Amino acid sequence: MLGFIFGAIAGGVAAYYYRDRIGTYLNEKTPSVRDQAADKLEALGKGAEDVLDRAKARIESTVRAGQERLRSVGGSRPTID
């Protein structure tokens, strides 16, 4: 327990001493990380859009095929005995 307290104090002192360097580093690196995340989200959105377009086309063709099949069977009604 005593080691944890000393470690927390040492970490706090180091963070206080290097706060300017840490702040500069974060200000330099954060925008590029945000840009990369935005680019990845855009790519993910485009990929999802493509998948949905393909699924929509497949569903539409299946529905059309089903409609044609039902219409080709036409007027034959089952008889009840």
PDB file of N, CA and C in Angstrom:
ATOM      1  N   MET A   1       0.815  -1.186   0.000  1.00  0.00           N
ATOM      2  CA  MET A   1       0.000   0.000   0.000  1.00  0.00           C
ATOM      3  C   MET A   1       0.861   1.253   0.000  1.00  0.00           C
ATOM      4  N   LEU A   2       1.944   1.201   0.756  1.00  0.00           N
ATOM      5  CA  LEU A   2       2.852   2.334   0.848  1.00  0.00           C
ATOM      6  C   LEU A   2       3.528   2.588  -0.506  1.00  0.00           C
ATOM      7  N   GLY A   3       3.851   1.510  -1.228  1.00  0.00           N
ATOM      8  CA  GLY A   3       4.450   1.633  -2.562  1.00  0.00           C
ATOM      9  C   GLY A   3       3.511   2.301  -3.544  1.00  0.00           C
ATOM     10  N   PHE A   4       2.233   1.987  -3.435  1.00  0.00           N
ATOM     11  CA  PHE A   4       1.238   2.603  -4.318  1.00  0.00           C
ATOM     12  C   PHE A   4       1.165   4.106  -4.079  1.00  0.00           C
ATOM     13  N   ILE A   5       1.185   4.497  -2.810  1.00  0.00           N
ATOM     14  CA  ILE A   5       1.110   5.924  -2.475  1.00  0.00           C
ATOM     15  C   ILE A   5       2.343   6.656  -2.993  1.00  0.00           C
ATOM     16  N   PHE A   6       3.538   6.080  -2.774  1.00  0.00           N
ATOM     17  CA  PHE A   6       4.755   6.710  -3.289  1.00  0.00           C
ATOM     18  C   PHE A   6       4.746   6.773  -4.814  1.00  0.00           C
ATOM     19  N   GLY A   7       4.253   5.747  -5.442  1.00  0.00           N
ATOM     20  CA  GLY A   7       4.159   5.758  -6.908  1.00  0.00           C
ATOM     21  C   GLY A   7       3.212   6.823  -7.420  1.00  0.00           C
ATOM     22  N   ALA A   8       2.088   6.990  -6.743  1.00  0.00           N
ATOM     23  CA  ALA A   8       1.132   8.029  -7.131  1.00  0.00           C
ATOM     24  C   ALA A   8       1.738   9.411  -6.954  1.00  0.00           C
ATOM     25  N   ILE A   9       2.482   9.612  -5.863  1.00  0.00           N
ATOM     26  CA  ILE A   9       3.129  10.904  -5.627  1.00  0.00           C
ATOM     27  C   ILE A   9       4.199  11.155  -6.694  1.00  0.00           C
ATOM     28  N   ALA A  10       5.006  10.142  -6.995  1.00  0.00           N
ATOM     29  CA  ALA A  10       6.051  10.294  -8.012  1.00  0.00           C
ATOM     30  C   ALA A  10       5.441  10.575  -9.380  1.00  0.00           C
ATOM     31  N   GLY A  11       4.348   9.913  -9.714  1.00  0.00           N
ATOM     32  CA  GLY A  11       3.669  10.158 -10.976  1.00  0.00           C
ATOM     33  C   GLY A  11       3.104  11.559 -11.058  1.00  0.00           C
ATOM     34  N   GLY A  12       2.548  12.035  -9.967  1.00  0.00           N
ATOM     35  CA  GLY A  12       2.026  13.397  -9.927  1.00  0.00           C
ATOM     36  C   GLY A  12       3.120  14.429 -10.092  1.00  0.00           C
ATOM     37  N   VAL A  13       4.262  14.217  -9.435  1.00  0.00           N
ATOM     38  CA  VAL A  13       5.390  15.145  -9.565  1.00  0.00           C
ATOM     39  C   VAL A  13       5.911  15.147 -10.997  1.00  0.00           C
ATOM     40  N   ALA A  14       6.040  13.971 -11.599  1.00  0.00           N
ATOM     41  CA  ALA A  14       6.526  13.885 -12.979  1.00  0.00           C
ATOM     42  C   ALA A  14       5.554  14.567 -13.938  1.00  0.00           C
ATOM     43  N   ALA A  15       4.270  14.366 -13.755  1.00  0.00           N
ATOM     44  CA  ALA A  15       3.275  15.001 -14.617  1.00  0.00           C
ATOM     45  C   ALA A  15       3.320  16.518 -14.455  1.00  0.00           C
ATOM     46  N   TYR A  16       3.505  16.997 -13.234  1.00  0.00           N
ATOM     47  CA  TYR A  16       3.587  18.433 -13.003  1.00  0.00           C
ATOM     48  C   TYR A  16       4.845  19.010 -13.648  1.00  0.00           C
ATOM     49  N   TYR A  17       5.959  18.314 -13.499  1.00  0.00           N
ATOM     50  CA  TYR A  17       7.234  18.791 -14.037  1.00  0.00           C
ATOM     51  C   TYR A  17       7.220  18.813 -15.568  1.00  0.00           C
ATOM     52  N   TYR A  18       6.641  17.790 -16.201  1.00  0.00           N
ATOM     53  CA  TYR A  18       6.651  17.680 -17.660  1.00  0.00           C
ATOM     54  C   TYR A  18       5.348  18.138 -18.301  1.00  0.00           C
ATOM     55  N   ARG A  19       4.508  18.888 -17.593  1.00  0.00           N
ATOM     56  CA  ARG A  19       3.185  19.257 -18.114  1.00  0.00           C
ATOM     57  C   ARG A  19       3.266  20.053 -19.417  1.00  0.00           C
ATOM     58  N   ASP A  20       4.244  20.915 -19.551  1.00  0.00           N
ATOM     59  CA  ASP A  20       4.372  21.696 -20.786  1.00  0.00           C
ATOM     60  C   ASP A  20       4.720  20.795 -21.971  1.00  0.00           C
ATOM     61  N   ARG A  21       5.649  19.887 -21.757  1.00  0.00           N
ATOM     62  CA  ARG A  21       6.023  18.947 -22.827  1.00  0.00           C
ATOM     63  C   ARG A  21       4.857  18.032 -23.188  1.00  0.00           C
ATOM     64  N   ILE A  22       4.157  17.576 -22.187  1.00  0.00           N
ATOM     65  CA  ILE A  22       2.997  16.708 -22.424  1.00  0.00           C
ATOM     66  C   ILE A  22       1.923  17.467 -23.192  1.00  0.00           C
ATOM     67  N   GLY A  23       1.671  18.704 -22.790  1.00  0.00           N
ATOM     68  CA  GLY A  23       0.675  19.523 -23.493  1.00  0.00           C
ATOM     69  C   GLY A  23       1.049  19.777 -24.933  1.00  0.00           C
ATOM     70  N   THR A  24       2.319  20.083 -25.188  1.00  0.00           N
ATOM     71  CA  THR A  24       2.789  20.309 -26.556  1.00  0.00           C
ATOM     72  C   THR A  24       2.644  19.033 -27.382  1.00  0.00           C
ATOM     73  N   TYR A  25       3.031  17.917 -26.810  1.00  0.00           N
ATOM     74  CA  TYR A  25       2.924  16.635 -27.512  1.00  0.00           C
ATOM     75  C   TYR A  25       1.471  16.337 -27.878  1.00  0.00           C
ATOM     76  N   LEU A  26       0.568  16.529 -26.933  1.00  0.00           N
ATOM     77  CA  LEU A  26      -0.847  16.255 -27.205  1.00  0.00           C
ATOM     78  C   LEU A  26      -1.415  17.197 -28.257  1.00  0.00           C
ATOM     79  N   ASN A  27      -1.021  18.459 -28.207  1.00  0.00           N
ATOM     80  CA  ASN A  27      -1.505  19.416 -29.204  1.00  0.00           C
ATOM     81  C   ASN A  27      -0.994  19.099 -30.603  1.00  0.00           C
ATOM     82  N   GLU A  28       0.194  18.527 -30.700  1.00  0.00           N
ATOM     83  CA  GLU A  28       0.756  18.170 -32.006  1.00  0.00           C
ATOM     84  C   GLU A  28       0.162  16.869 -32.542  1.00  0.00           C
ATOM     85  N   LYS A  29      -0.055  15.900 -31.679  1.00  0.00           N
ATOM     86  CA  LYS A  29      -0.485  14.571 -32.122  1.00  0.00           C
ATOM     87  C   LYS A  29      -1.993  14.419 -32.231  1.00  0.00           C
ATOM     88  N   THR A  30      -2.751  15.117 -31.416  1.00  0.00           N
ATOM     89  CA  THR A  30      -4.197  14.930 -31.387  1.00  0.00           C
ATOM     90  C   THR A  30      -4.880  15.223 -32.719  1.00  0.00           C
ATOM     91  N   PRO A  31      -4.543  16.329 -33.415  1.00  0.00           N
ATOM     92  CA  PRO A  31      -5.229  16.581 -34.699  1.00  0.00           C
ATOM     93  C   PRO A  31      -5.002  15.472 -35.728  1.00  0.00           C
ATOM     94  N   SER A  32      -3.799  14.919 -35.807  1.00  0.00           N
ATOM     95  CA  SER A  32      -3.566  13.857 -36.785  1.00  0.00           C
ATOM     96  C   SER A  32      -4.343  12.592 -36.435  1.00  0.00           C
ATOM     97  N   VAL A  33      -4.459  12.293 -35.150  1.00  0.00           N
ATOM     98  CA  VAL A  33      -5.231  11.123 -34.726  1.00  0.00           C
ATOM     99  C   VAL A  33      -6.706  11.331 -35.059  1.00  0.00           C
ATOM    100  N   ARG A  34      -7.202  12.549 -34.839  1.00  0.00           N
ATOM    101  CA  ARG A  34      -8.594  12.848 -35.162  1.00  0.00           C
ATOM    102  C   ARG A  34      -8.840  12.740 -36.659  1.00  0.00           C
ATOM    103  N   ASP A  35      -7.905  13.232 -37.451  1.00  0.00           N
ATOM    104  CA  ASP A  35      -8.052  13.139 -38.912  1.00  0.00           C
ATOM    105  C   ASP A  35      -8.066  11.680 -39.360  1.00  0.00           C
ATOM    106  N   GLN A  36      -7.196  10.866 -38.778  1.00  0.00           N
ATOM    107  CA  GLN A  36      -7.160   9.452 -39.126  1.00  0.00           C
ATOM    108  C   GLN A  36      -8.467   8.772 -38.746  1.00  0.00           C
ATOM    109  N   ALA A  37      -8.993   9.098 -37.575  1.00  0.00           N
ATOM    110  CA  ALA A  37     -10.262   8.503 -37.143  1.00  0.00           C
ATOM    111  C   ALA A  37     -11.390   8.931 -38.073  1.00  0.00           C
ATOM    112  N   ALA A  38     -11.399  10.195 -38.471  1.00  0.00           N
ATOM    113  CA  ALA A  38     -12.436  10.682 -39.390  1.00  0.00           C
ATOM    114  C   ALA A  38     -12.335   9.976 -40.740  1.00  0.00           C
ATOM    115  N   ASP A  39     -11.121   9.775 -41.234  1.00  0.00           N
ATOM    116  CA  ASP A  39     -10.935   9.072 -42.507  1.00  0.00           C
ATOM    117  C   ASP A  39     -11.415   7.628 -42.419  1.00  0.00           C
ATOM    118  N   LYS A  40     -11.127   6.973 -41.301  1.00  0.00           N
ATOM    119  CA  LYS A  40     -11.568   5.588 -41.134  1.00  0.00           C
ATOM    120  C   LYS A  40     -13.087   5.501 -41.035  1.00  0.00           C
ATOM    121  N   LEU A  41     -13.700   6.469 -40.360  1.00  0.00           N
ATOM    122  CA  LEU A  41     -15.162   6.480 -40.286  1.00  0.00           C
ATOM    123  C   LEU A  41     -15.782   6.705 -41.663  1.00  0.00           C
ATOM    124  N   GLU A  42     -15.161   7.558 -42.464  1.00  0.00           N
ATOM    125  CA  GLU A  42     -15.661   7.798 -43.818  1.00  0.00           C
ATOM    126  C   GLU A  42     -15.565   6.525 -44.660  1.00  0.00           C
ATOM    127  N   ALA A  43     -14.441   5.827 -44.561  1.00  0.00           N
ATOM    128  CA  ALA A  43     -14.273   4.581 -45.297  1.00  0.00           C
ATOM    129  C   ALA A  43     -15.277   3.530 -44.838  1.00  0.00           C
ATOM    130  N   LEU A  44     -15.504   3.462 -43.540  1.00  0.00           N
ATOM    131  CA  LEU A  44     -16.483   2.519 -43.002  1.00  0.00           C
ATOM    132  C   LEU A  44     -17.879   2.848 -43.521  1.00  0.00           C
ATOM    133  N   GLY A  45     -18.219   4.120 -43.561  1.00  0.00           N
ATOM    134  CA  GLY A  45     -19.525   4.539 -44.076  1.00  0.00           C
ATOM    135  C   GLY A  45     -19.704   4.175 -45.536  1.00  0.00           C
ATOM    136  N   LYS A  46     -18.663   4.389 -46.330  1.00  0.00           N
ATOM    137  CA  LYS A  46     -18.747   4.041 -47.750  1.00  0.00           C
ATOM    138  C   LYS A  46     -18.895   2.536 -47.936  1.00  0.00           C
ATOM    139  N   GLY A  47     -18.158   1.776 -47.140  1.00  0.00           N
ATOM    140  CA  GLY A  47     -18.265   0.316 -47.230  1.00  0.00           C
ATOM    141  C   GLY A  47     -19.659  -0.162 -46.841  1.00  0.00           C
ATOM    142  N   ALA A  48     -20.203   0.403 -45.783  1.00  0.00           N
ATOM    143  CA  ALA A  48     -21.549   0.026 -45.360  1.00  0.00           C
ATOM    144  C   ALA A  48     -22.573   0.409 -46.420  1.00  0.00           C
ATOM    145  N   GLU A  49     -22.381   1.560 -47.044  1.00  0.00           N
ATOM    146  CA  GLU A  49     -23.293   1.994 -48.097  1.00  0.00           C
ATOM    147  C   GLU A  49     -23.261   1.026 -49.282  1.00  0.00           C
ATOM    148  N   ASP A  50     -22.073   0.574 -49.652  1.00  0.00           N
ATOM    149  CA  ASP A  50     -21.956  -0.392 -50.745  1.00  0.00           C
ATOM    150  C   ASP A  50     -22.660  -1.707 -50.405  1.00  0.00           C
ATOM    151  N   VAL A  51     -22.460  -2.180 -49.186  1.00  0.00           N
ATOM    152  CA  VAL A  51     -23.093  -3.432 -48.761  1.00  0.00           C
ATOM    153  C   VAL A  51     -24.612  -3.291 -48.791  1.00  0.00           C
ATOM    154  N   LEU A  52     -25.119  -2.172 -48.300  1.00  0.00           N
ATOM    155  CA  LEU A  52     -26.568  -1.957 -48.301  1.00  0.00           C
ATOM    156  C   LEU A  52     -27.124  -1.853 -49.711  1.00  0.00           C
ATOM    157  N   ASP A  53     -26.382  -1.216 -50.611  1.00  0.00           N
ATOM    158  CA  ASP A  53     -26.829  -1.132 -52.011  1.00  0.00           C
ATOM    159  C   ASP A  53     -26.918  -2.512 -52.654  1.00  0.00           C
ATOM    160  N   ARG A  54     -25.913  -3.350 -52.388  1.00  0.00           N
ATOM    161  CA  ARG A  54     -25.944  -4.707 -52.946  1.00  0.00           C
ATOM    162  C   ARG A  54     -27.096  -5.505 -52.362  1.00  0.00           C
ATOM    163  N   ALA A  55     -27.319  -5.371 -51.053  1.00  0.00           N
ATOM    164  CA  ALA A  55     -28.425  -6.094 -50.421  1.00  0.00           C
ATOM    165  C   ALA A  55     -29.761  -5.623 -50.975  1.00  0.00           C
ATOM    166  N   LYS A  56     -29.905  -4.334 -51.185  1.00  0.00           N
ATOM    167  CA  LYS A  56     -31.144  -3.784 -51.728  1.00  0.00           C
ATOM    168  C   LYS A  56     -31.394  -4.329 -53.133  1.00  0.00           C
ATOM    169  N   ALA A  57     -30.363  -4.348 -53.956  1.00  0.00           N
ATOM    170  CA  ALA A  57     -30.509  -4.868 -55.314  1.00  0.00           C
ATOM    171  C   ALA A  57     -30.898  -6.345 -55.291  1.00  0.00           C
ATOM    172  N   ARG A  58     -30.289  -7.100 -54.399  1.00  0.00           N
ATOM    173  CA  ARG A  58     -30.607  -8.533 -54.321  1.00  0.00           C
ATOM    174  C   ARG A  58     -32.036  -8.758 -53.845  1.00  0.00           C
ATOM    175  N   ILE A  59     -32.467  -7.979 -52.873  1.00  0.00           N
ATOM    176  CA  ILE A  59     -33.843  -8.111 -52.372  1.00  0.00           C
ATOM    177  C   ILE A  59     -34.835  -7.745 -53.468  1.00  0.00           C
ATOM    178  N   GLU A  60     -34.555  -6.651 -54.189  1.00  0.00           N
ATOM    179  CA  GLU A  60     -35.459  -6.239 -55.263  1.00  0.00           C
ATOM    180  C   GLU A  60     -35.565  -7.305 -56.346  1.00  0.00           C
ATOM    181  N   SER A  61     -34.429  -7.904 -56.721  1.00  0.00           N
ATOM    182  CA  SER A  61     -34.480  -8.931 -57.761  1.00  0.00           C
ATOM    183  C   SER A  61     -35.219 -10.175 -57.269  1.00  0.00           C
ATOM    184  N   THR A  62     -35.057 -10.514 -56.003  1.00  0.00           N
ATOM    185  CA  THR A  62     -35.768 -11.669 -55.443  1.00  0.00           C
ATOM    186  C   THR A  62     -37.270 -11.410 -55.401  1.00  0.00           C
ATOM    187  N   VAL A  63     -37.649 -10.202 -55.022  1.00  0.00           N
ATOM    188  CA  VAL A  63     -39.073  -9.856 -54.981  1.00  0.00           C
ATOM    189  C   VAL A  63     -39.658  -9.902 -56.387  1.00  0.00           C
ATOM    190  N   ARG A  64     -38.941  -9.344 -57.358  1.00  0.00           N
ATOM    191  CA  ARG A  64     -39.438  -9.377 -58.747  1.00  0.00           C
ATOM    192  C   ARG A  64     -39.584 -10.813 -59.249  1.00  0.00           C
ATOM    193  N   ALA A  65     -38.601 -11.644 -58.933  1.00  0.00           N
ATOM    194  CA  ALA A  65     -38.679 -13.035 -59.361  1.00  0.00           C
ATOM    195  C   ALA A  65     -39.871 -13.736 -58.712  1.00  0.00           C
ATOM    196  N   GLY A  66     -40.101 -13.447 -57.437  1.00  0.00           N
ATOM    197  CA  GLY A  66     -41.253 -14.033 -56.756  1.00  0.00           C
ATOM    198  C   GLY A  66     -42.563 -13.560 -57.355  1.00  0.00           C
ATOM    199  N   GLN A  67     -42.653 -12.286 -57.700  1.00  0.00           N
ATOM    200  CA  GLN A  67     -43.866 -11.759 -58.317  1.00  0.00           C
ATOM    201  C   GLN A  67     -44.111 -12.413 -59.678  1.00  0.00           C
ATOM    202  N   GLU A  68     -43.054 -12.536 -60.463  1.00  0.00           N
ATOM    203  CA  GLU A  68     -43.192 -13.169 -61.782  1.00  0.00           C
ATOM    204  C   GLU A  68     -43.621 -14.621 -61.639  1.00  0.00           C
ATOM    205  N   ARG A  69     -43.058 -15.287 -60.666  1.00  0.00           N
ATOM    206  CA  ARG A  69     -43.410 -16.694 -60.432  1.00  0.00           C
ATOM    207  C   ARG A  69     -44.886 -16.814 -60.049  1.00  0.00           C
ATOM    208  N   LEU A  70     -45.351 -15.946 -59.168  1.00  0.00           N
ATOM    209  CA  LEU A  70     -46.750 -15.984 -58.758  1.00  0.00           C
ATOM    210  C   LEU A  70     -47.682 -15.640 -59.916  1.00  0.00           C
ATOM    211  N   ARG A  71     -47.278 -14.696 -60.731  1.00  0.00           N
ATOM    212  CA  ARG A  71     -48.116 -14.308 -61.866  1.00  0.00           C
ATOM    213  C   ARG A  71     -48.134 -15.386 -62.940  1.00  0.00           C
ATOM    214  N   SER A  72     -47.032 -16.121 -63.092  1.00  0.00           N
ATOM    215  CA  SER A  72     -46.992 -17.159 -64.112  1.00  0.00           C
ATOM    216  C   SER A  72     -47.889 -18.335 -63.747  1.00  0.00           C
ATOM    217  N   VAL A  73     -48.062 -18.583 -62.459  1.00  0.00           N
ATOM    218  CA  VAL A  73     -48.952 -19.650 -62.021  1.00  0.00           C
ATOM    219  C   VAL A  73     -50.377 -19.260 -62.388  1.00  0.00           C
ATOM    220  N   GLY A  74     -50.668 -17.979 -62.271  1.00  0.00           N
ATOM    221  CA  GLY A  74     -51.895 -17.422 -62.787  1.00  0.00           C
ATOM    222  C   GLY A  74     -53.166 -17.865 -62.097  1.00  0.00           C
ATOM    223  N   GLY A  75     -54.170 -18.195 -62.934  1.00  0.00           N
ATOM    224  CA  GLY A  75     -55.531 -18.399 -62.452  1.00  0.00           C
ATOM    225  C   GLY A  75     -55.821 -19.797 -61.958  1.00  0.00           C
ATOM    226  N   SER A  76     -54.884 -20.647 -61.802  1.00  0.00           N
ATOM    227  CA  SER A  76     -55.213 -21.979 -61.302  1.00  0.00           C
ATOM    228  C   SER A  76     -55.491 -21.897 -59.821  1.00  0.00           C
ATOM    229  N   ARG A  77     -56.742 -22.277 -59.470  1.00  0.00           N
ATOM    230  CA  ARG A  77     -57.131 -22.277 -58.066  1.00  0.00           C
ATOM    231  C   ARG A  77     -57.271 -23.712 -57.587  1.00  0.00           C
ATOM    232  N   PRO A  78     -56.916 -23.930 -56.369  1.00  0.00           N
ATOM    233  CA  PRO A  78     -57.070 -25.294 -55.855  1.00  0.00           C
ATOM    234  C   PRO A  78     -58.562 -25.604 -55.643  1.00  0.00           C
ATOM    235  N   THR A  79     -58.883 -26.842 -55.877  1.00  0.00           N
ATOM    236  CA  THR A  79     -60.283 -27.251 -55.679  1.00  0.00           C
ATOM    237  C   THR A  79     -60.437 -27.863 -54.311  1.00  0.00           C
ATOM    238  N   ILE A  80     -61.598 -27.627 -53.719  1.00  0.00           N
ATOM    239  CA  ILE A  80     -61.883 -28.187 -52.407  1.00  0.00           C
ATOM    240  C   ILE A  80     -62.825 -29.363 -52.607  1.00  0.00           C
ATOM    241  N   ASP A  81     -62.432 -30.492 -52.154  1.00  0.00           N
ATOM    242  CA  ASP A  81     -63.264 -31.699 -52.295  1.00  0.00           C
ATOM    243  C   ASP A  81     -63.981 -32.025 -51.048  1.00  0.00           C
TER     244      ASP A  81
END
